[in-house]
Amino acid sequence: MTPVDVSAETAYDSCSPIYDEWNGENDYELWLGETLLPELAKFGLSGGGWALDVGCGTGRAFPPLLDRGWKVVGCDVSEGMLQAAQRKFESRVRLLNLDARSLPALTAAPGEARGEAFQLVLLLNDVVNYLVDDGDLEEVFSGVRRNLDPRSGLVVFDTNTLRQFQDEYAANDTSAKGSWIWQGLAEDVVPGGTYEASLSGPRIEKHLHRQRHWLPAEVEAAMDAAGLSVLSVIGQREDEGRVLLSQLPDEHQDAKFVFVGTASP
């Protein structure tokens, strides 16, 4: 029997035709623009520099950055997602087809600010969760370290909590948006597990998404090994149209943990 391809590349190539419709309720202006960027200002982030969006998908994080004067480079392993981003943003953003696990040292833009590092590196909305193999975190964070401004750059990424995995990947979870169906396949959700769900509906073939629950200690150890220091771990959840951040992150109350890091001395 041929094994089922559960790579993030295949999953997102498969869902790229309907990704923006499926995720239409995700308000990146509220999440990134109005909530996370002001929080990052507490760590010294100033606007208007160069941002690298790793796992950028169709570019849903681009408008909050561009509207605030950021210059953006986006990369993704999925050609389908990048094609969707290209149609929307054309030359406003430089787009690269790259695997986050083998991220080279990038220049901000060809012939412009050559060699300049990025003041902000983002891996938002499940990028880290799709890294499921031992060693993946270290590889990704090493690539981040190669591109992060060593003086004042910040890296920001999120991981899903046990609560989020229970809500989205447990076998009793089935959610529908329009004619699309998301079906969790996990019989039990436990710390550190790897889980699958299927997505099916019109204009896409049924396919699998596989994610791993990373323990905060595992994440912090991988960051340290790659030369990154943790500045903060913030709990995040949504309530009545608001994005709430907590300085006391909780696996059972929050939907995500948001990690903020910088280059180690």
C-alpha atoms as a PDB file:
ATOM      1  CA  MET A   1       0.000   0.000   0.000  1.00  0.00           C
ATOM      2  CA  THR A   2       1.351   3.412  -0.959  1.00  0.00           C
ATOM      3  CA  PRO A   3       1.794   5.584   2.153  1.00  0.00           C
ATOM      4  CA  VAL A   4      -0.379   8.689   2.360  1.00  0.00           C
ATOM      5  CA  ASP A   5       1.551  11.918   1.836  1.00  0.00           C
ATOM      6  CA  VAL A   6       0.981  13.997   4.976  1.00  0.00           C
ATOM      7  CA  SER A   7       3.639  16.639   4.350  1.00  0.00           C
ATOM      8  CA  ALA A   8       2.769  20.279   4.924  1.00  0.00           C
ATOM      9  CA  GLU A   9       3.687  20.978   1.295  1.00  0.00           C
ATOM     10  CA  THR A  10       1.090  18.550  -0.042  1.00  0.00           C
ATOM     11  CA  ALA A  11      -1.531  19.612   2.499  1.00  0.00           C
ATOM     12  CA  TYR A  12      -1.268  23.272   1.547  1.00  0.00           C
ATOM     13  CA  ASP A  13      -0.909  22.680  -2.181  1.00  0.00           C
ATOM     14  CA  SER A  14      -4.169  20.723  -1.870  1.00  0.00           C
ATOM     15  CA  CYS A  15      -6.095  23.368   0.045  1.00  0.00           C
ATOM     16  CA  SER A  16      -4.583  26.468  -1.605  1.00  0.00           C
ATOM     17  CA  PRO A  17      -7.564  26.964  -3.984  1.00  0.00           C
ATOM     18  CA  ILE A  18      -9.924  27.513  -1.051  1.00  0.00           C
ATOM     19  CA  TYR A  19      -7.535  28.555   1.730  1.00  0.00           C
ATOM     20  CA  ASP A  20      -8.566  32.210   1.943  1.00  0.00           C
ATOM     21  CA  GLU A  21     -12.247  31.302   1.926  1.00  0.00           C
ATOM     22  CA  TRP A  22     -11.751  28.578   4.550  1.00  0.00           C
ATOM     23  CA  ASN A  23      -9.833  30.992   6.795  1.00  0.00           C
ATOM     24  CA  GLY A  24     -11.862  34.076   6.029  1.00  0.00           C
ATOM     25  CA  GLU A  25     -12.777  34.610   9.681  1.00  0.00           C
ATOM     26  CA  ASN A  26      -9.115  34.915  10.727  1.00  0.00           C
ATOM     27  CA  ASP A  27      -8.635  38.652  11.187  1.00  0.00           C
ATOM     28  CA  TYR A  28      -4.911  39.280  10.765  1.00  0.00           C
ATOM     29  CA  GLU A  29      -5.337  43.019  11.204  1.00  0.00           C
ATOM     30  CA  LEU A  30      -6.822  42.396  14.648  1.00  0.00           C
ATOM     31  CA  TRP A  31      -4.403  39.589  15.533  1.00  0.00           C
ATOM     32  CA  LEU A  32      -1.106  40.847  14.143  1.00  0.00           C
ATOM     33  CA  GLY A  33      -1.684  44.530  13.485  1.00  0.00           C
ATOM     34  CA  GLU A  34      -3.631  45.582  16.554  1.00  0.00           C
ATOM     35  CA  THR A  35      -2.548  42.965  19.102  1.00  0.00           C
ATOM     36  CA  LEU A  36       0.837  41.360  18.454  1.00  0.00           C
ATOM     37  CA  LEU A  37       2.771  44.282  16.957  1.00  0.00           C
ATOM     38  CA  PRO A  38       1.960  46.601  19.901  1.00  0.00           C
ATOM     39  CA  GLU A  39       2.994  43.784  22.261  1.00  0.00           C
ATOM     40  CA  LEU A  40       6.300  43.444  20.409  1.00  0.00           C
ATOM     41  CA  ALA A  41       6.942  47.156  20.821  1.00  0.00           C
ATOM     42  CA  LYS A  42       7.435  46.372  24.520  1.00  0.00           C
ATOM     43  CA  PHE A  43      10.522  44.405  23.469  1.00  0.00           C
ATOM     44  CA  GLY A  44      11.937  47.278  21.453  1.00  0.00           C
ATOM     45  CA  LEU A  45      10.485  46.516  18.012  1.00  0.00           C
ATOM     46  CA  SER A  46      10.093  49.623  15.896  1.00  0.00           C
ATOM     47  CA  GLY A  47       8.157  49.667  12.644  1.00  0.00           C
ATOM     48  CA  GLY A  48       9.258  50.252   9.110  1.00  0.00           C
ATOM     49  CA  GLY A  49      12.103  47.748   8.822  1.00  0.00           C
ATOM     50  CA  TRP A  50      12.420  44.441   7.007  1.00  0.00           C
ATOM     51  CA  ALA A  51      10.168  41.522   7.953  1.00  0.00           C
ATOM     52  CA  LEU A  52      10.582  37.899   6.884  1.00  0.00           C
ATOM     53  CA  ASP A  53       7.353  35.883   6.923  1.00  0.00           C
ATOM     54  CA  VAL A  54       8.301  32.189   7.010  1.00  0.00           C
ATOM     55  CA  GLY A  55       5.410  29.940   5.978  1.00  0.00           C
ATOM     56  CA  CYS A  56       3.655  33.002   4.580  1.00  0.00           C
ATOM     57  CA  GLY A  57       0.953  31.050   2.749  1.00  0.00           C
ATOM     58  CA  THR A  58      -1.301  33.289   0.697  1.00  0.00           C
ATOM     59  CA  GLY A  59       0.053  36.383   2.439  1.00  0.00           C
ATOM     60  CA  ARG A  60      -2.650  37.023   4.998  1.00  0.00           C
ATOM     61  CA  ALA A  61      -0.092  38.603   7.346  1.00  0.00           C
ATOM     62  CA  PHE A  62       1.223  40.973   4.677  1.00  0.00           C
ATOM     63  CA  PRO A  63      -1.371  43.814   4.819  1.00  0.00           C
ATOM     64  CA  PRO A  64      -0.906  44.609   8.555  1.00  0.00           C
ATOM     65  CA  LEU A  65       2.855  44.842   7.935  1.00  0.00           C
ATOM     66  CA  LEU A  66       2.742  46.756   4.648  1.00  0.00           C
ATOM     67  CA  ASP A  67       0.182  49.214   5.999  1.00  0.00           C
ATOM     68  CA  ARG A  68       2.606  50.042   8.839  1.00  0.00           C
ATOM     69  CA  GLY A  69       5.553  50.680   6.577  1.00  0.00           C
ATOM     70  CA  TRP A  70       7.269  47.302   6.783  1.00  0.00           C
ATOM     71  CA  LYS A  71       9.117  45.894   3.776  1.00  0.00           C
ATOM     72  CA  VAL A  72       8.274  42.205   3.473  1.00  0.00           C
ATOM     73  CA  VAL A  73       9.863  39.026   2.143  1.00  0.00           C
ATOM     74  CA  GLY A  74       7.677  35.920   2.275  1.00  0.00           C
ATOM     75  CA  CYS A  75       8.610  32.282   1.824  1.00  0.00           C
ATOM     76  CA  ASP A  76       6.630  29.056   1.802  1.00  0.00           C
ATOM     77  CA  VAL A  77       7.147  25.415   0.901  1.00  0.00           C
ATOM     78  CA  SER A  78       3.848  25.324  -1.036  1.00  0.00           C
ATOM     79  CA  GLU A  79       3.932  26.623  -4.601  1.00  0.00           C
ATOM     80  CA  GLY A  80       0.133  26.697  -4.643  1.00  0.00           C
ATOM     81  CA  MET A  81      -0.018  29.070  -1.683  1.00  0.00           C
ATOM     82  CA  LEU A  82       2.704  31.289  -3.149  1.00  0.00           C
ATOM     83  CA  GLN A  83       0.847  31.534  -6.444  1.00  0.00           C
ATOM     84  CA  ALA A  84      -2.200  32.787  -4.570  1.00  0.00           C
ATOM     85  CA  ALA A  85      -0.033  35.339  -2.741  1.00  0.00           C
ATOM     86  CA  GLN A  86       1.542  36.457  -6.019  1.00  0.00           C
ATOM     87  CA  ARG A  87      -1.855  37.125  -7.557  1.00  0.00           C
ATOM     88  CA  LYS A  88      -2.809  39.333  -4.619  1.00  0.00           C
ATOM     89  CA  PHE A  89       0.391  41.265  -3.951  1.00  0.00           C
ATOM     90  CA  GLU A  90       2.334  41.131  -7.252  1.00  0.00           C
ATOM     91  CA  SER A  91       5.592  43.067  -6.776  1.00  0.00           C
ATOM     92  CA  ARG A  92       4.772  44.544  -3.367  1.00  0.00           C
ATOM     93  CA  VAL A  93       6.321  41.521  -1.634  1.00  0.00           C
ATOM     94  CA  ARG A  94       9.265  39.354  -2.634  1.00  0.00           C
ATOM     95  CA  LEU A  95       8.173  35.699  -2.567  1.00  0.00           C
ATOM     96  CA  LEU A  96      10.419  32.641  -2.343  1.00  0.00           C
ATOM     97  CA  ASN A  97       9.656  28.919  -2.577  1.00  0.00           C
ATOM     98  CA  LEU A  98      11.645  27.611   0.413  1.00  0.00           C
ATOM     99  CA  ASP A  99      11.335  24.925   3.067  1.00  0.00           C
ATOM    100  CA  ALA A 100      11.590  26.454   6.542  1.00  0.00           C
ATOM    101  CA  ARG A 101      13.820  23.548   7.599  1.00  0.00           C
ATOM    102  CA  SER A 102      16.539  24.575   5.133  1.00  0.00           C
ATOM    103  CA  LEU A 103      16.299  28.352   5.205  1.00  0.00           C
ATOM    104  CA  PRO A 104      19.424  29.991   3.765  1.00  0.00           C
ATOM    105  CA  ALA A 105      20.772  33.390   4.706  1.00  0.00           C
ATOM    106  CA  LEU A 106      18.641  35.776   2.667  1.00  0.00           C
ATOM    107  CA  THR A 107      19.218  39.311   1.518  1.00  0.00           C
ATOM    108  CA  ALA A 108      16.356  41.661   2.173  1.00  0.00           C
ATOM    109  CA  ALA A 109      15.938  42.338  -1.552  1.00  0.00           C
ATOM    110  CA  PRO A 110      18.132  41.842  -4.612  1.00  0.00           C
ATOM    111  CA  GLY A 111      20.333  44.916  -5.019  1.00  0.00           C
ATOM    112  CA  GLU A 112      18.705  46.699  -2.093  1.00  0.00           C
ATOM    113  CA  ALA A 113      19.921  46.710   1.523  1.00  0.00           C
ATOM    114  CA  ARG A 114      22.165  43.846   0.468  1.00  0.00           C
ATOM    115  CA  GLY A 115      23.189  41.730   3.413  1.00  0.00           C
ATOM    116  CA  GLU A 116      20.795  43.519   5.761  1.00  0.00           C
ATOM    117  CA  ALA A 117      19.294  41.212   8.355  1.00  0.00           C
ATOM    118  CA  PHE A 118      15.617  41.157   9.241  1.00  0.00           C
ATOM    119  CA  GLN A 119      14.300  43.113  12.201  1.00  0.00           C
ATOM    120  CA  LEU A 120      11.291  40.798  12.419  1.00  0.00           C
ATOM    121  CA  VAL A 121      10.942  37.112  11.524  1.00  0.00           C
ATOM    122  CA  LEU A 122       7.451  35.623  11.732  1.00  0.00           C
ATOM    123  CA  LEU A 123       6.262  32.006  11.696  1.00  0.00           C
ATOM    124  CA  LEU A 124       2.551  32.455  12.256  1.00  0.00           C
ATOM    125  CA  ASN A 125      -0.588  30.361  12.369  1.00  0.00           C
ATOM    126  CA  ASP A 126       0.570  26.738  12.664  1.00  0.00           C
ATOM    127  CA  VAL A 127       3.946  26.849  10.905  1.00  0.00           C
ATOM    128  CA  VAL A 128       5.700  25.292  13.906  1.00  0.00           C
ATOM    129  CA  ASN A 129       2.927  22.756  14.491  1.00  0.00           C
ATOM    130  CA  TYR A 130       3.493  21.254  11.031  1.00  0.00           C
ATOM    131  CA  LEU A 131       7.065  20.415  12.056  1.00  0.00           C
ATOM    132  CA  VAL A 132       6.568  16.894  13.317  1.00  0.00           C
ATOM    133  CA  ASP A 133       9.974  15.188  13.251  1.00  0.00           C
ATOM    134  CA  ASP A 134      12.663  15.295  15.921  1.00  0.00           C
ATOM    135  CA  GLY A 135      15.269  17.858  14.896  1.00  0.00           C
ATOM    136  CA  ASP A 136      12.864  19.937  12.804  1.00  0.00           C
ATOM    137  CA  LEU A 137      12.700  22.751  15.352  1.00  0.00           C
ATOM    138  CA  GLU A 138      16.469  23.079  15.551  1.00  0.00           C
ATOM    139  CA  GLU A 139      16.739  23.217  11.751  1.00  0.00           C
ATOM    140  CA  VAL A 140      14.071  25.909  11.452  1.00  0.00           C
ATOM    141  CA  PHE A 141      15.405  28.017  14.301  1.00  0.00           C
ATOM    142  CA  SER A 142      18.937  27.810  12.891  1.00  0.00           C
ATOM    143  CA  GLY A 143      17.614  29.293   9.649  1.00  0.00           C
ATOM    144  CA  VAL A 144      15.832  31.994  11.605  1.00  0.00           C
ATOM    145  CA  ARG A 145      19.062  32.793  13.459  1.00  0.00           C
ATOM    146  CA  ARG A 146      20.909  33.180  10.141  1.00  0.00           C
ATOM    147  CA  ASN A 147      18.442  35.863   9.057  1.00  0.00           C
ATOM    148  CA  LEU A 148      17.665  37.695  12.287  1.00  0.00           C
ATOM    149  CA  ASP A 149      19.258  41.055  13.032  1.00  0.00           C
ATOM    150  CA  PRO A 150      21.669  40.143  15.864  1.00  0.00           C
ATOM    151  CA  ARG A 151      21.341  43.528  17.501  1.00  0.00           C
ATOM    152  CA  SER A 152      17.621  44.020  17.962  1.00  0.00           C
ATOM    153  CA  GLY A 153      15.737  41.554  15.757  1.00  0.00           C
ATOM    154  CA  LEU A 154      12.753  39.615  17.081  1.00  0.00           C
ATOM    155  CA  VAL A 155      11.379  36.234  16.061  1.00  0.00           C
ATOM    156  CA  VAL A 156       7.703  35.560  16.775  1.00  0.00           C
ATOM    157  CA  PHE A 157       5.855  32.280  16.336  1.00  0.00           C
ATOM    158  CA  ASP A 158       2.923  30.381  17.812  1.00  0.00           C
ATOM    159  CA  THR A 159       2.274  26.794  18.872  1.00  0.00           C
ATOM    160  CA  ASN A 160      -1.097  25.186  19.441  1.00  0.00           C
ATOM    161  CA  THR A 161      -2.042  24.176  22.970  1.00  0.00           C
ATOM    162  CA  LEU A 162      -3.593  20.929  24.130  1.00  0.00           C
ATOM    163  CA  ARG A 163      -6.931  22.710  24.189  1.00  0.00           C
ATOM    164  CA  GLN A 164      -6.581  23.647  20.522  1.00  0.00           C
ATOM    165  CA  PHE A 165      -5.603  20.107  19.536  1.00  0.00           C
ATOM    166  CA  GLN A 166      -8.564  18.764  21.465  1.00  0.00           C
ATOM    167  CA  ASP A 167     -10.857  21.201  19.648  1.00  0.00           C
ATOM    168  CA  GLU A 168      -9.485  20.553  16.146  1.00  0.00           C
ATOM    169  CA  TYR A 169      -7.898  17.103  16.005  1.00  0.00           C
ATOM    170  CA  ALA A 170      -9.924  14.875  18.334  1.00  0.00           C
ATOM    171  CA  ALA A 171     -11.968  12.213  16.527  1.00  0.00           C
ATOM    172  CA  ASN A 172     -15.236  13.666  17.774  1.00  0.00           C
ATOM    173  CA  ASP A 173     -14.465  17.048  16.197  1.00  0.00           C
ATOM    174  CA  THR A 174     -16.134  17.757  12.874  1.00  0.00           C
ATOM    175  CA  SER A 175     -16.486  21.327  11.687  1.00  0.00           C
ATOM    176  CA  ALA A 176     -17.962  22.691   8.502  1.00  0.00           C
ATOM    177  CA  LYS A 177     -17.566  25.978   6.678  1.00  0.00           C
ATOM    178  CA  GLY A 178     -19.815  26.148   3.692  1.00  0.00           C
ATOM    179  CA  SER A 179     -19.405  22.798   1.922  1.00  0.00           C
ATOM    180  CA  TRP A 180     -15.948  22.056   3.359  1.00  0.00           C
ATOM    181  CA  ILE A 181     -15.543  19.537   6.156  1.00  0.00           C
ATOM    182  CA  TRP A 182     -12.715  19.317   8.682  1.00  0.00           C
ATOM    183  CA  GLN A 183     -12.619  15.956  10.510  1.00  0.00           C
ATOM    184  CA  GLY A 184     -10.334  15.265  13.460  1.00  0.00           C
ATOM    185  CA  LEU A 185      -8.907  11.740  13.525  1.00  0.00           C
ATOM    186  CA  ALA A 186      -7.139  11.454  16.906  1.00  0.00           C
ATOM    187  CA  GLU A 187      -8.558   8.969  19.409  1.00  0.00           C
ATOM    188  CA  ASP A 188      -6.717  10.621  22.289  1.00  0.00           C
ATOM    189  CA  VAL A 189      -4.921  13.948  22.697  1.00  0.00           C
ATOM    190  CA  VAL A 190      -1.948  13.860  25.059  1.00  0.00           C
ATOM    191  CA  PRO A 191       1.061  16.167  25.563  1.00  0.00           C
ATOM    192  CA  GLY A 192       3.710  15.818  22.874  1.00  0.00           C
ATOM    193  CA  GLY A 193       1.550  13.796  20.492  1.00  0.00           C
ATOM    194  CA  THR A 194       1.244  13.991  16.707  1.00  0.00           C
ATOM    195  CA  TYR A 195      -2.262  14.189  15.267  1.00  0.00           C
ATOM    196  CA  GLU A 196      -4.075  14.121  11.942  1.00  0.00           C
ATOM    197  CA  ALA A 197      -7.255  15.585  10.493  1.00  0.00           C
ATOM    198  CA  SER A 198      -8.792  15.500   7.018  1.00  0.00           C
ATOM    199  CA  LEU A 199     -10.148  18.358   4.943  1.00  0.00           C
ATOM    200  CA  SER A 200     -12.590  17.720   2.103  1.00  0.00           C
ATOM    201  CA  GLY A 201     -15.051  19.609  -0.036  1.00  0.00           C
ATOM    202  CA  PRO A 202     -15.623  21.191  -3.450  1.00  0.00           C
ATOM    203  CA  ARG A 203     -12.630  22.282  -5.568  1.00  0.00           C
ATOM    204  CA  ILE A 204     -10.168  20.266  -3.472  1.00  0.00           C
ATOM    205  CA  GLU A 205      -9.283  16.615  -3.070  1.00  0.00           C
ATOM    206  CA  LYS A 206      -9.680  15.123   0.390  1.00  0.00           C
ATOM    207  CA  HIS A 207      -6.304  15.268   2.115  1.00  0.00           C
ATOM    208  CA  LEU A 208      -4.647  14.973   5.523  1.00  0.00           C
ATOM    209  CA  HIS A 209      -3.094  17.569   7.812  1.00  0.00           C
ATOM    210  CA  ARG A 210      -0.601  16.363  10.416  1.00  0.00           C
ATOM    211  CA  GLN A 211       0.543  18.466  13.367  1.00  0.00           C
ATOM    212  CA  ARG A 212       2.585  17.925  16.521  1.00  0.00           C
ATOM    213  CA  HIS A 213       2.013  19.309  19.979  1.00  0.00           C
ATOM    214  CA  TRP A 214       5.339  20.735  21.068  1.00  0.00           C
ATOM    215  CA  LEU A 215       5.979  21.072  24.780  1.00  0.00           C
ATOM    216  CA  PRO A 216       7.213  24.566  25.711  1.00  0.00           C
ATOM    217  CA  ALA A 217      10.373  23.041  27.199  1.00  0.00           C
ATOM    218  CA  GLU A 218      11.110  21.334  23.857  1.00  0.00           C
ATOM    219  CA  VAL A 219      10.629  24.606  21.997  1.00  0.00           C
ATOM    220  CA  GLU A 220      12.865  26.554  24.348  1.00  0.00           C
ATOM    221  CA  ALA A 221      15.600  23.887  24.206  1.00  0.00           C
ATOM    222  CA  ALA A 222      15.550  23.971  20.392  1.00  0.00           C
ATOM    223  CA  MET A 223      15.751  27.769  20.382  1.00  0.00           C
ATOM    224  CA  ASP A 224      18.716  27.674  22.736  1.00  0.00           C
ATOM    225  CA  ALA A 225      20.484  25.083  20.566  1.00  0.00           C
ATOM    226  CA  ALA A 226      20.020  27.338  17.524  1.00  0.00           C
ATOM    227  CA  GLY A 227      21.361  30.446  19.228  1.00  0.00           C
ATOM    228  CA  LEU A 228      18.054  32.091  20.110  1.00  0.00           C
ATOM    229  CA  SER A 229      16.940  33.361  23.496  1.00  0.00           C
ATOM    230  CA  VAL A 230      13.351  33.342  24.726  1.00  0.00           C
ATOM    231  CA  LEU A 231      12.109  36.759  25.791  1.00  0.00           C
ATOM    232  CA  SER A 232       8.521  35.813  26.529  1.00  0.00           C
ATOM    233  CA  VAL A 233       5.900  33.081  26.174  1.00  0.00           C
ATOM    234  CA  ILE A 234       2.406  34.543  25.967  1.00  0.00           C
ATOM    235  CA  GLY A 235      -0.927  32.766  26.121  1.00  0.00           C
ATOM    236  CA  GLN A 236      -3.452  33.699  23.432  1.00  0.00           C
ATOM    237  CA  ARG A 237      -7.140  33.020  23.060  1.00  0.00           C
ATOM    238  CA  GLU A 238     -10.141  34.685  21.453  1.00  0.00           C
ATOM    239  CA  ASP A 239     -13.273  35.845  23.201  1.00  0.00           C
ATOM    240  CA  GLU A 240     -16.241  37.615  21.604  1.00  0.00           C
ATOM    241  CA  GLY A 241     -14.226  38.952  18.698  1.00  0.00           C
ATOM    242  CA  ARG A 242     -11.251  40.003  20.814  1.00  0.00           C
ATOM    243  CA  VAL A 243      -7.736  38.556  20.917  1.00  0.00           C
ATOM    244  CA  LEU A 244      -6.679  38.165  24.543  1.00  0.00           C
ATOM    245  CA  LEU A 245      -3.058  37.797  25.631  1.00  0.00           C
ATOM    246  CA  SER A 246      -1.962  36.389  28.970  1.00  0.00           C
ATOM    247  CA  GLN A 247       1.423  36.501  30.688  1.00  0.00           C
ATOM    248  CA  LEU A 248       0.464  33.221  32.410  1.00  0.00           C
ATOM    249  CA  PRO A 249       0.055  30.815  29.464  1.00  0.00           C
ATOM    250  CA  ASP A 250      -2.178  27.804  30.146  1.00  0.00           C
ATOM    251  CA  GLU A 251      -2.423  24.648  27.997  1.00  0.00           C
ATOM    252  CA  HIS A 252      -6.075  24.178  28.924  1.00  0.00           C
ATOM    253  CA  GLN A 253      -7.300  27.787  28.731  1.00  0.00           C
ATOM    254  CA  ASP A 254      -5.398  29.290  25.815  1.00  0.00           C
ATOM    255  CA  ALA A 255      -5.585  28.290  22.156  1.00  0.00           C
ATOM    256  CA  LYS A 256      -1.989  29.227  21.356  1.00  0.00           C
ATOM    257  CA  PHE A 257       1.307  30.029  22.984  1.00  0.00           C
ATOM    258  CA  VAL A 258       3.101  32.944  21.334  1.00  0.00           C
ATOM    259  CA  PHE A 259       6.895  32.825  21.666  1.00  0.00           C
ATOM    260  CA  VAL A 260       8.989  35.968  21.362  1.00  0.00           C
ATOM    261  CA  GLY A 261      12.725  35.500  20.952  1.00  0.00           C
ATOM    262  CA  THR A 262      15.927  37.231  19.933  1.00  0.00           C
ATOM    263  CA  ALA A 263      19.454  36.290  18.920  1.00  0.00           C
ATOM    264  CA  SER A 264      21.516  35.066  21.847  1.00  0.00           C
ATOM    265  CA  PRO A 265      24.549  37.202  22.769  1.00  0.00           C
END
